[in-house]
Amino acid sequence: MAWRLALVIGALTLAAVIIQVTLLSRLGLPGATPDLVVVVVVSIALAAGPTNGVIAGFVAGMLVDLAPPADTPLGVNALIYIVIGYVAGVAINPRDRTVVVMIGLVSASAGFAVIATSALDALLGSERVAWDAVGGMALSSALYALILAPIGVLGVRWLVARAVPEVLVA
């Protein structure tokens, strides 16, 4: 069971990072780049629980930090995605989860990721944080996540149910 879950988490996070870096970052959409990685991390946490959300967050964050256009210190995205994976896994009681609530959580997590990345970058002394643009970037990132979330949440839940049904959170 553990190796199947590790394979699912690894494949999903790697695919999300590759798609985000190669495709979504080149679309030229206004505001932030759609954050598929946050959608996948939250979807894994919702489907497989907070511990697996933390694992997915760490793996995804390290991959994002190591991806070629990375401009944040190593570990910043990993820390943010770990927090997002944990909070998403424990925030809502599994009995109270509806598709609308889960999509809202994904959207809020994407907005949080922008604000947290900006705050950590500024705290670490980065000169590139433009605080007047952070609000718009967080809002556009949340909107893009809102659009990507139905496919992500339902798709990841279906994949986890097929590959590792014993870890699926009710």
Protein backbone atom coordinates (compact mmCIF):
# COMPACT_ATOMS: atom_id res chain seq x y z
CA MET A 1 0.00 0.00 0.00
CA ALA A 2 2.71 2.51 0.95
CA TRP A 3 4.57 2.19 -2.32
CA ARG A 4 1.38 2.72 -4.34
CA LEU A 5 0.53 5.85 -2.39
CA ALA A 6 4.10 7.14 -2.73
CA LEU A 7 3.92 6.50 -6.47
CA VAL A 8 0.60 8.37 -6.78
CA ILE A 9 1.84 11.35 -4.73
CA GLY A 10 5.15 11.48 -6.60
CA ALA A 11 3.56 11.20 -10.04
CA LEU A 12 0.86 13.78 -9.33
CA THR A 13 3.23 16.34 -7.85
CA LEU A 14 5.84 15.86 -10.57
CA ALA A 15 3.20 16.19 -13.28
CA ALA A 16 1.75 19.31 -11.65
CA VAL A 17 5.16 21.00 -11.42
CA ILE A 18 6.06 20.11 -15.01
CA ILE A 19 2.71 21.36 -16.36
CA GLN A 20 2.93 24.54 -14.31
CA VAL A 21 6.51 25.34 -15.32
CA THR A 22 6.28 24.39 -18.99
CA LEU A 23 2.70 25.20 -19.95
CA LEU A 24 0.82 27.37 -17.47
CA SER A 25 3.66 29.84 -16.93
CA ARG A 26 3.77 30.55 -20.66
CA LEU A 27 0.07 31.25 -21.18
CA GLY A 28 0.46 34.97 -20.56
CA LEU A 29 -2.68 35.26 -18.46
CA PRO A 30 -3.18 38.48 -16.51
CA GLY A 31 -2.08 38.40 -12.88
CA ALA A 32 -0.49 35.34 -11.36
CA THR A 33 0.36 32.08 -13.06
CA PRO A 34 -2.32 29.46 -12.34
CA ASP A 35 -0.97 27.40 -9.43
CA LEU A 36 -1.71 23.81 -10.35
CA VAL A 37 0.69 22.63 -7.65
CA VAL A 38 -1.49 24.07 -4.87
CA VAL A 39 -4.55 22.47 -6.45
CA VAL A 40 -2.84 19.07 -6.45
CA VAL A 41 -1.46 19.38 -2.89
CA VAL A 42 -4.87 20.37 -1.48
CA SER A 43 -6.59 17.65 -3.51
CA ILE A 44 -4.21 15.00 -2.15
CA ALA A 45 -4.75 16.25 1.41
CA LEU A 46 -8.52 16.12 0.96
CA ALA A 47 -8.44 12.65 -0.57
CA ALA A 48 -5.76 10.97 1.54
CA GLY A 49 -5.53 12.97 4.78
CA PRO A 50 -3.25 15.58 6.34
CA THR A 51 -0.15 13.39 6.65
CA ASN A 52 -0.18 12.61 2.95
CA GLY A 53 -0.97 16.27 2.27
CA VAL A 54 2.19 17.23 4.15
CA ILE A 55 4.23 14.70 2.19
CA ALA A 56 2.78 15.97 -1.09
CA GLY A 57 3.43 19.55 0.01
CA PHE A 58 7.06 18.85 0.79
CA VAL A 59 7.71 16.97 -2.45
CA ALA A 60 5.90 19.57 -4.55
CA GLY A 61 7.57 22.49 -2.77
CA MET A 62 11.05 21.08 -3.24
CA LEU A 63 10.34 20.39 -6.92
CA VAL A 64 9.08 23.96 -7.39
CA ASP A 65 12.11 25.34 -5.54
CA LEU A 66 14.43 23.34 -7.80
CA ALA A 67 12.61 24.04 -11.08
CA PRO A 68 14.61 26.27 -13.45
CA PRO A 69 12.84 29.63 -13.14
CA ALA A 70 12.93 29.39 -9.31
CA ASP A 71 13.80 32.68 -7.67
CA THR A 72 13.00 31.96 -4.03
CA PRO A 73 15.44 30.42 -1.53
CA LEU A 74 15.41 26.64 -1.35
CA GLY A 75 12.70 25.44 1.01
CA VAL A 76 10.38 28.47 0.95
CA ASN A 77 7.79 26.87 -1.30
CA ALA A 78 8.22 23.55 0.47
CA LEU A 79 7.38 25.18 3.81
CA ILE A 80 4.33 26.94 2.39
CA TYR A 81 3.03 23.81 0.64
CA ILE A 82 3.57 21.74 3.81
CA VAL A 83 1.37 24.16 5.75
CA ILE A 84 -1.23 24.15 2.96
CA GLY A 85 -1.25 20.32 2.80
CA TYR A 86 -1.69 19.97 6.55
CA VAL A 87 -4.36 22.65 6.96
CA ALA A 88 -6.32 21.35 3.96
CA GLY A 89 -6.32 17.86 5.45
CA VAL A 90 -7.59 18.91 8.88
CA ALA A 91 -9.64 22.05 8.13
CA ILE A 92 -12.88 20.38 7.20
CA ASN A 93 -14.46 17.33 8.78
CA PRO A 94 -14.69 14.63 6.09
CA ARG A 95 -18.45 14.31 6.68
CA ASP A 96 -18.93 18.03 5.97
CA ARG A 97 -16.98 18.10 2.72
CA THR A 98 -18.96 19.13 -0.30
CA VAL A 99 -17.54 19.89 -3.72
CA VAL A 100 -18.25 23.60 -3.23
CA VAL A 101 -16.46 23.70 0.14
CA MET A 102 -13.47 21.79 -1.22
CA ILE A 103 -13.21 24.09 -4.25
CA GLY A 104 -13.36 27.11 -1.93
CA LEU A 105 -10.55 25.63 0.17
CA VAL A 106 -8.42 25.14 -2.94
CA SER A 107 -9.04 28.73 -4.01
CA ALA A 108 -8.24 30.15 -0.57
CA SER A 109 -5.07 28.05 -0.41
CA ALA A 110 -3.84 29.45 -3.73
CA GLY A 111 -4.37 33.01 -2.51
CA PHE A 112 -2.61 32.17 0.75
CA ALA A 113 0.36 30.72 -1.16
CA VAL A 114 0.95 34.03 -2.96
CA ILE A 115 0.73 36.08 0.22
CA ALA A 116 2.88 33.66 2.25
CA THR A 117 5.55 33.46 -0.47
CA SER A 118 5.72 37.24 -0.64
CA ALA A 119 5.93 37.54 3.14
CA LEU A 120 8.66 34.91 3.47
CA ASP A 121 10.63 36.40 0.59
CA ALA A 122 10.46 39.84 2.20
CA LEU A 123 11.38 38.40 5.58
CA LEU A 124 14.43 36.74 4.03
CA GLY A 125 15.51 40.06 2.52
CA SER A 126 14.33 39.78 -1.06
CA GLU A 127 14.10 43.07 -2.92
CA ARG A 128 11.75 41.71 -5.60
CA VAL A 129 8.51 41.78 -3.59
CA ALA A 130 6.17 44.49 -4.94
CA TRP A 131 3.61 44.80 -2.16
CA ASP A 132 1.28 46.93 -4.25
CA ALA A 133 0.82 43.98 -6.66
CA VAL A 134 0.53 41.19 -4.07
CA GLY A 135 -3.22 41.64 -3.52
CA GLY A 136 -4.02 41.43 -7.22
CA MET A 137 -1.72 38.45 -7.65
CA ALA A 138 -3.36 36.63 -4.72
CA LEU A 139 -6.82 37.36 -6.09
CA SER A 140 -5.98 36.20 -9.61
CA SER A 141 -4.25 33.08 -8.27
CA ALA A 142 -7.34 32.26 -6.20
CA LEU A 143 -9.55 32.77 -9.25
CA TYR A 144 -7.42 30.50 -11.44
CA ALA A 145 -7.41 27.85 -8.69
CA LEU A 146 -11.20 28.14 -8.50
CA ILE A 147 -11.33 27.28 -12.20
CA LEU A 148 -8.84 24.39 -11.94
CA ALA A 149 -10.18 22.97 -8.67
CA PRO A 150 -13.17 20.90 -9.87
CA ILE A 151 -11.01 18.85 -12.20
CA GLY A 152 -8.18 18.62 -9.67
CA VAL A 153 -10.21 17.69 -6.60
CA LEU A 154 -12.43 15.16 -8.34
CA GLY A 155 -9.62 13.79 -10.51
CA VAL A 156 -7.21 13.25 -7.63
CA ARG A 157 -9.95 11.71 -5.49
CA TRP A 158 -10.81 9.29 -8.33
CA LEU A 159 -7.13 8.39 -8.84
CA VAL A 160 -6.51 7.80 -5.13
CA ALA A 161 -9.68 5.69 -4.91
CA ARG A 162 -8.48 3.55 -7.84
CA ALA A 163 -4.85 3.20 -6.78
CA VAL A 164 -5.04 3.15 -2.98
CA PRO A 165 -8.68 2.78 -1.86
CA GLU A 166 -7.70 1.94 1.73
CA VAL A 167 -6.37 5.49 2.41
CA LEU A 168 -9.30 7.38 0.88
CA VAL A 169 -10.74 9.81 3.43
CA ALA A 170 -14.52 9.46 3.61
